[in-house]
Structures are given as structure tokens and as C-alpha cells.
Amino acid sequence: MCPIAILFCIYLMVVTSLKPKFHWQSKQVRKIRCWLGDRGASIFYYGISAGALALGLIVLGN
């Protein structure tokens, strides 16, 4: 589980930073962007990424 969480974290950080069209224009992300705005959506996805990284590192440490 922890390697998957860490890989998910890295993927989410990269796509949030680079904002490629296949991700940033997807239906789910556009919905979040509509609710929170672009900056809020970025913060939201960075938060999810940080949580996944923390979870992965905690599981990896045990």
C-alpha cells in the first residue's frame, strides 16, 4: 500500500504543478475548480498529495 500512496502523491504533485490538459480539463477537476477556483483546487490537490505522502511514509516506517 505505501509504495502506491507515494507514487500517487508524486503523480498528483506533478500534474498539479504542470497542469496538463488531460488532467486539469477533466470532468472531476473542472468541478473542483468551479467550486474552489484554480488556486483553491491547486491547494486542495496539494493537500491530498501531502496526506498521501504522510500516509505512505507512516506505513513505510512501521
PDB file of N, CA and C in Angstrom:
ATOM      1  N   MET A   1       0.822  -1.203   0.000  1.00  0.00           N
ATOM      2  CA  MET A   1       0.000   0.000   0.000  1.00  0.00           C
ATOM      3  C   MET A   1       0.859   1.256   0.000  1.00  0.00           C
ATOM      4  N   CYS A   2       1.927   1.297   0.777  1.00  0.00           N
ATOM      5  CA  CYS A   2       2.690   2.538   0.886  1.00  0.00           C
ATOM      6  C   CYS A   2       3.388   2.937  -0.408  1.00  0.00           C
ATOM      7  N   PRO A   3       3.950   2.017  -1.204  1.00  0.00           N
ATOM      8  CA  PRO A   3       4.542   2.475  -2.467  1.00  0.00           C
ATOM      9  C   PRO A   3       3.492   3.065  -3.409  1.00  0.00           C
ATOM     10  N   ILE A   4       2.288   2.527  -3.385  1.00  0.00           N
ATOM     11  CA  ILE A   4       1.223   3.065  -4.227  1.00  0.00           C
ATOM     12  C   ILE A   4       0.845   4.469  -3.763  1.00  0.00           C
ATOM     13  N   ALA A   5       0.751   4.681  -2.463  1.00  0.00           N
ATOM     14  CA  ALA A   5       0.419   6.005  -1.935  1.00  0.00           C
ATOM     15  C   ALA A   5       1.502   7.018  -2.279  1.00  0.00           C
ATOM     16  N   ILE A   6       2.757   6.610  -2.191  1.00  0.00           N
ATOM     17  CA  ILE A   6       3.860   7.516  -2.510  1.00  0.00           C
ATOM     18  C   ILE A   6       3.870   7.840  -4.002  1.00  0.00           C
ATOM     19  N   LEU A   7       3.641   6.843  -4.852  1.00  0.00           N
ATOM     20  CA  LEU A   7       3.578   7.094  -6.296  1.00  0.00           C
ATOM     21  C   LEU A   7       2.387   7.990  -6.648  1.00  0.00           C
ATOM     22  N   PHE A   8       1.256   7.767  -5.991  1.00  0.00           N
ATOM     23  CA  PHE A   8       0.090   8.621  -6.196  1.00  0.00           C
ATOM     24  C   PHE A   8       0.407  10.060  -5.809  1.00  0.00           C
ATOM     25  N   CYS A   9       1.105  10.228  -4.714  1.00  0.00           N
ATOM     26  CA  CYS A   9       1.495  11.555  -4.242  1.00  0.00           C
ATOM     27  C   CYS A   9       2.371  12.258  -5.269  1.00  0.00           C
ATOM     28  N   ILE A  10       3.370  11.563  -5.777  1.00  0.00           N
ATOM     29  CA  ILE A  10       4.270  12.149  -6.769  1.00  0.00           C
ATOM     30  C   ILE A  10       3.498  12.521  -8.032  1.00  0.00           C
ATOM     31  N   TYR A  11       2.647  11.617  -8.495  1.00  0.00           N
ATOM     32  CA  TYR A  11       1.832  11.888  -9.686  1.00  0.00           C
ATOM     33  C   TYR A  11       0.960  13.122  -9.475  1.00  0.00           C
ATOM     34  N   LEU A  12       0.292  13.195  -8.341  1.00  0.00           N
ATOM     35  CA  LEU A  12      -0.618  14.305  -8.081  1.00  0.00           C
ATOM     36  C   LEU A  12       0.128  15.624  -7.972  1.00  0.00           C
ATOM     37  N   MET A  13       1.305  15.609  -7.363  1.00  0.00           N
ATOM     38  CA  MET A  13       2.104  16.837  -7.285  1.00  0.00           C
ATOM     39  C   MET A  13       2.533  17.310  -8.673  1.00  0.00           C
ATOM     40  N   VAL A  14       2.953  16.370  -9.515  1.00  0.00           N
ATOM     41  CA  VAL A  14       3.414  16.729 -10.861  1.00  0.00           C
ATOM     42  C   VAL A  14       2.270  17.296 -11.693  1.00  0.00           C
ATOM     43  N   VAL A  15       1.126  16.617 -11.706  1.00  0.00           N
ATOM     44  CA  VAL A  15       0.026  17.108 -12.542  1.00  0.00           C
ATOM     45  C   VAL A  15      -0.580  18.395 -11.991  1.00  0.00           C
ATOM     46  N   THR A  16      -0.497  18.615 -10.687  1.00  0.00           N
ATOM     47  CA  THR A  16      -0.982  19.874 -10.129  1.00  0.00           C
ATOM     48  C   THR A  16      -0.028  21.011 -10.468  1.00  0.00           C
ATOM     49  N   SER A  17       1.256  20.730 -10.455  1.00  0.00           N
ATOM     50  CA  SER A  17       2.243  21.764 -10.783  1.00  0.00           C
ATOM     51  C   SER A  17       2.241  22.120 -12.263  1.00  0.00           C
ATOM     52  N   LEU A  18       2.232  21.100 -13.125  1.00  0.00           N
ATOM     53  CA  LEU A  18       2.340  21.333 -14.568  1.00  0.00           C
ATOM     54  C   LEU A  18       1.006  21.649 -15.238  1.00  0.00           C
ATOM     55  N   LYS A  19      -0.082  21.244 -14.600  1.00  0.00           N
ATOM     56  CA  LYS A  19      -1.441  21.445 -15.113  1.00  0.00           C
ATOM     57  C   LYS A  19      -1.619  20.995 -16.571  1.00  0.00           C
ATOM     58  N   PRO A  20      -1.316  19.731 -16.872  1.00  0.00           N
ATOM     59  CA  PRO A  20      -1.542  19.256 -18.239  1.00  0.00           C
ATOM     60  C   PRO A  20      -3.042  19.186 -18.536  1.00  0.00           C
ATOM     61  N   LYS A  21      -3.386  19.370 -19.796  1.00  0.00           N
ATOM     62  CA  LYS A  21      -4.808  19.432 -20.178  1.00  0.00           C
ATOM     63  C   LYS A  21      -5.562  18.147 -19.880  1.00  0.00           C
ATOM     64  N   PHE A  22      -4.924  16.989 -20.050  1.00  0.00           N
ATOM     65  CA  PHE A  22      -5.648  15.733 -19.814  1.00  0.00           C
ATOM     66  C   PHE A  22      -6.116  15.618 -18.371  1.00  0.00           C
ATOM     67  N   HIS A  23      -5.434  16.278 -17.452  1.00  0.00           N
ATOM     68  CA  HIS A  23      -5.839  16.226 -16.043  1.00  0.00           C
ATOM     69  C   HIS A  23      -6.641  17.470 -15.661  1.00  0.00           C
ATOM     70  N   TRP A  24      -6.108  18.630 -15.966  1.00  0.00           N
ATOM     71  CA  TRP A  24      -6.692  19.882 -15.496  1.00  0.00           C
ATOM     72  C   TRP A  24      -8.042  20.177 -16.148  1.00  0.00           C
ATOM     73  N   GLN A  25      -8.294  19.618 -17.322  1.00  0.00           N
ATOM     74  CA  GLN A  25      -9.568  19.828 -18.009  1.00  0.00           C
ATOM     75  C   GLN A  25     -10.520  18.643 -17.856  1.00  0.00           C
ATOM     76  N   SER A  26     -10.162  17.679 -17.015  1.00  0.00           N
ATOM     77  CA  SER A  26     -11.054  16.533 -16.817  1.00  0.00           C
ATOM     78  C   SER A  26     -12.307  16.969 -16.054  1.00  0.00           C
ATOM     79  N   LYS A  27     -13.331  16.174 -16.160  1.00  0.00           N
ATOM     80  CA  LYS A  27     -14.630  16.499 -15.574  1.00  0.00           C
ATOM     81  C   LYS A  27     -14.543  16.709 -14.056  1.00  0.00           C
ATOM     82  N   GLN A  28     -13.856  15.797 -13.373  1.00  0.00           N
ATOM     83  CA  GLN A  28     -13.775  15.871 -11.919  1.00  0.00           C
ATOM     84  C   GLN A  28     -12.981  17.097 -11.462  1.00  0.00           C
ATOM     85  N   VAL A  29     -11.874  17.371 -12.139  1.00  0.00           N
ATOM     86  CA  VAL A  29     -11.041  18.505 -11.744  1.00  0.00           C
ATOM     87  C   VAL A  29     -11.751  19.820 -12.066  1.00  0.00           C
ATOM     88  N   ARG A  30     -12.442  19.879 -13.194  1.00  0.00           N
ATOM     89  CA  ARG A  30     -13.198  21.095 -13.523  1.00  0.00           C
ATOM     90  C   ARG A  30     -14.274  21.376 -12.484  1.00  0.00           C
ATOM     91  N   LYS A  31     -14.865  20.323 -11.929  1.00  0.00           N
ATOM     92  CA  LYS A  31     -15.880  20.504 -10.888  1.00  0.00           C
ATOM     93  C   LYS A  31     -15.250  21.118  -9.631  1.00  0.00           C
ATOM     94  N   ILE A  32     -14.098  20.605  -9.227  1.00  0.00           N
ATOM     95  CA  ILE A  32     -13.384  21.156  -8.069  1.00  0.00           C
ATOM     96  C   ILE A  32     -12.951  22.591  -8.356  1.00  0.00           C
ATOM     97  N   ARG A  33     -12.466  22.843  -9.576  1.00  0.00           N
ATOM     98  CA  ARG A  33     -12.052  24.197  -9.957  1.00  0.00           C
ATOM     99  C   ARG A  33     -13.233  25.161  -9.941  1.00  0.00           C
ATOM    100  N   CYS A  34     -14.400  24.687 -10.319  1.00  0.00           N
ATOM    101  CA  CYS A  34     -15.603  25.524 -10.293  1.00  0.00           C
ATOM    102  C   CYS A  34     -15.959  25.899  -8.854  1.00  0.00           C
ATOM    103  N   TRP A  35     -15.851  24.948  -7.952  1.00  0.00           N
ATOM    104  CA  TRP A  35     -16.186  25.188  -6.544  1.00  0.00           C
ATOM    105  C   TRP A  35     -15.145  26.051  -5.840  1.00  0.00           C
ATOM    106  N   LEU A  36     -13.855  25.746  -6.063  1.00  0.00           N
ATOM    107  CA  LEU A  36     -12.789  26.369  -5.283  1.00  0.00           C
ATOM    108  C   LEU A  36     -11.955  27.391  -6.044  1.00  0.00           C
ATOM    109  N   GLY A  37     -12.093  27.436  -7.362  1.00  0.00           N
ATOM    110  CA  GLY A  37     -11.223  28.277  -8.174  1.00  0.00           C
ATOM    111  C   GLY A  37      -9.924  27.537  -8.469  1.00  0.00           C
ATOM    112  N   ASP A  38      -9.130  28.100  -9.369  1.00  0.00           N
ATOM    113  CA  ASP A  38      -7.881  27.436  -9.756  1.00  0.00           C
ATOM    114  C   ASP A  38      -6.907  27.322  -8.585  1.00  0.00           C
ATOM    115  N   ARG A  39      -6.738  28.416  -7.863  1.00  0.00           N
ATOM    116  CA  ARG A  39      -5.799  28.402  -6.732  1.00  0.00           C
ATOM    117  C   ARG A  39      -6.282  27.464  -5.628  1.00  0.00           C
ATOM    118  N   GLY A  40      -7.559  27.510  -5.329  1.00  0.00           N
ATOM    119  CA  GLY A  40      -8.120  26.627  -4.313  1.00  0.00           C
ATOM    120  C   GLY A  40      -8.014  25.164  -4.698  1.00  0.00           C
ATOM    121  N   ALA A  41      -8.227  24.875  -5.980  1.00  0.00           N
ATOM    122  CA  ALA A  41      -8.102  23.495  -6.452  1.00  0.00           C
ATOM    123  C   ALA A  41      -6.662  23.021  -6.335  1.00  0.00           C
ATOM    124  N   SER A  42      -5.717  23.893  -6.656  1.00  0.00           N
ATOM    125  CA  SER A  42      -4.303  23.525  -6.509  1.00  0.00           C
ATOM    126  C   SER A  42      -3.979  23.222  -5.052  1.00  0.00           C
ATOM    127  N   ILE A  43      -4.435  24.081  -4.157  1.00  0.00           N
ATOM    128  CA  ILE A  43      -4.194  23.860  -2.724  1.00  0.00           C
ATOM    129  C   ILE A  43      -4.859  22.565  -2.272  1.00  0.00           C
ATOM    130  N   PHE A  44      -6.067  22.318  -2.740  1.00  0.00           N
ATOM    131  CA  PHE A  44      -6.787  21.090  -2.410  1.00  0.00           C
ATOM    132  C   PHE A  44      -6.000  19.858  -2.843  1.00  0.00           C
ATOM    133  N   TYR A  45      -5.514  19.862  -4.090  1.00  0.00           N
ATOM    134  CA  TYR A  45      -4.774  18.704  -4.595  1.00  0.00           C
ATOM    135  C   TYR A  45      -3.402  18.572  -3.946  1.00  0.00           C
ATOM    136  N   TYR A  46      -2.762  19.686  -3.609  1.00  0.00           N
ATOM    137  CA  TYR A  46      -1.504  19.595  -2.858  1.00  0.00           C
ATOM    138  C   TYR A  46      -1.759  19.016  -1.464  1.00  0.00           C
ATOM    139  N   GLY A  47      -2.888  19.359  -0.861  1.00  0.00           N
ATOM    140  CA  GLY A  47      -3.241  18.799   0.443  1.00  0.00           C
ATOM    141  C   GLY A  47      -3.480  17.297   0.383  1.00  0.00           C
ATOM    142  N   ILE A  48      -4.186  16.854  -0.653  1.00  0.00           N
ATOM    143  CA  ILE A  48      -4.388  15.416  -0.837  1.00  0.00           C
ATOM    144  C   ILE A  48      -3.045  14.725  -1.034  1.00  0.00           C
ATOM    145  N   SER A  49      -2.184  15.358  -1.810  1.00  0.00           N
ATOM    146  CA  SER A  49      -0.862  14.793  -2.070  1.00  0.00           C
ATOM    147  C   SER A  49      -0.043  14.701  -0.783  1.00  0.00           C
ATOM    148  N   ALA A  50      -0.085  15.740   0.024  1.00  0.00           N
ATOM    149  CA  ALA A  50       0.651  15.725   1.290  1.00  0.00           C
ATOM    150  C   ALA A  50       0.107  14.641   2.223  1.00  0.00           C
ATOM    151  N   GLY A  51      -1.205  14.486   2.260  1.00  0.00           N
ATOM    152  CA  GLY A  51      -1.805  13.439   3.082  1.00  0.00           C
ATOM    153  C   GLY A  51      -1.415  12.048   2.621  1.00  0.00           C
ATOM    154  N   ALA A  52      -1.400  11.843   1.306  1.00  0.00           N
ATOM    155  CA  ALA A  52      -0.996  10.541   0.763  1.00  0.00           C
ATOM    156  C   ALA A  52       0.470  10.270   1.061  1.00  0.00           C
ATOM    157  N   LEU A  53       1.306  11.304   0.966  1.00  0.00           N
ATOM    158  CA  LEU A  53       2.724  11.139   1.279  1.00  0.00           C
ATOM    159  C   LEU A  53       2.912  10.800   2.752  1.00  0.00           C
ATOM    160  N   ALA A  54       2.210  11.510   3.629  1.00  0.00           N
ATOM    161  CA  ALA A  54       2.311  11.229   5.061  1.00  0.00           C
ATOM    162  C   ALA A  54       1.852   9.805   5.371  1.00  0.00           C
ATOM    163  N   LEU A  55       0.743   9.402   4.792  1.00  0.00           N
ATOM    164  CA  LEU A  55       0.240   8.043   4.994  1.00  0.00           C
ATOM    165  C   LEU A  55       1.246   7.014   4.501  1.00  0.00           C
ATOM    166  N   GLY A  56       1.791   7.238   3.316  1.00  0.00           N
ATOM    167  CA  GLY A  56       2.775   6.308   2.762  1.00  0.00           C
ATOM    168  C   GLY A  56       4.021   6.203   3.615  1.00  0.00           C
ATOM    169  N   LEU A  57       4.497   7.336   4.124  1.00  0.00           N
ATOM    170  CA  LEU A  57       5.703   7.313   4.954  1.00  0.00           C
ATOM    171  C   LEU A  57       5.444   6.685   6.321  1.00  0.00           C
ATOM    172  N   ILE A  58       4.266   6.916   6.880  1.00  0.00           N
ATOM    173  CA  ILE A  58       3.926   6.296   8.168  1.00  0.00           C
ATOM    174  C   ILE A  58       3.852   4.785   8.021  1.00  0.00           C
ATOM    175  N   VAL A  59       3.182   4.327   6.977  1.00  0.00           N
ATOM    176  CA  VAL A  59       3.064   2.882   6.748  1.00  0.00           C
ATOM    177  C   VAL A  59       4.431   2.289   6.446  1.00  0.00           C
ATOM    178  N   LEU A  60       5.242   3.004   5.678  1.00  0.00           N
ATOM    179  CA  LEU A  60       6.579   2.528   5.340  1.00  0.00           C
ATOM    180  C   LEU A  60       7.465   2.433   6.580  1.00  0.00           C
ATOM    181  N   GLY A  61       7.269   3.358   7.525  1.00  0.00           N
ATOM    182  CA  GLY A  61       8.070   3.360   8.748  1.00  0.00           C
ATOM    183  C   GLY A  61       7.712   2.242   9.711  1.00  0.00           C
ATOM    184  N   ASN A  62       6.504   1.725   9.625  1.00  0.00           N
ATOM    185  CA  ASN A  62       6.081   0.672  10.565  1.00  0.00           C
ATOM    186  C   ASN A  62       6.373  -0.651  10.021  1.00  0.00           C
TER     187      ASN A  62
END
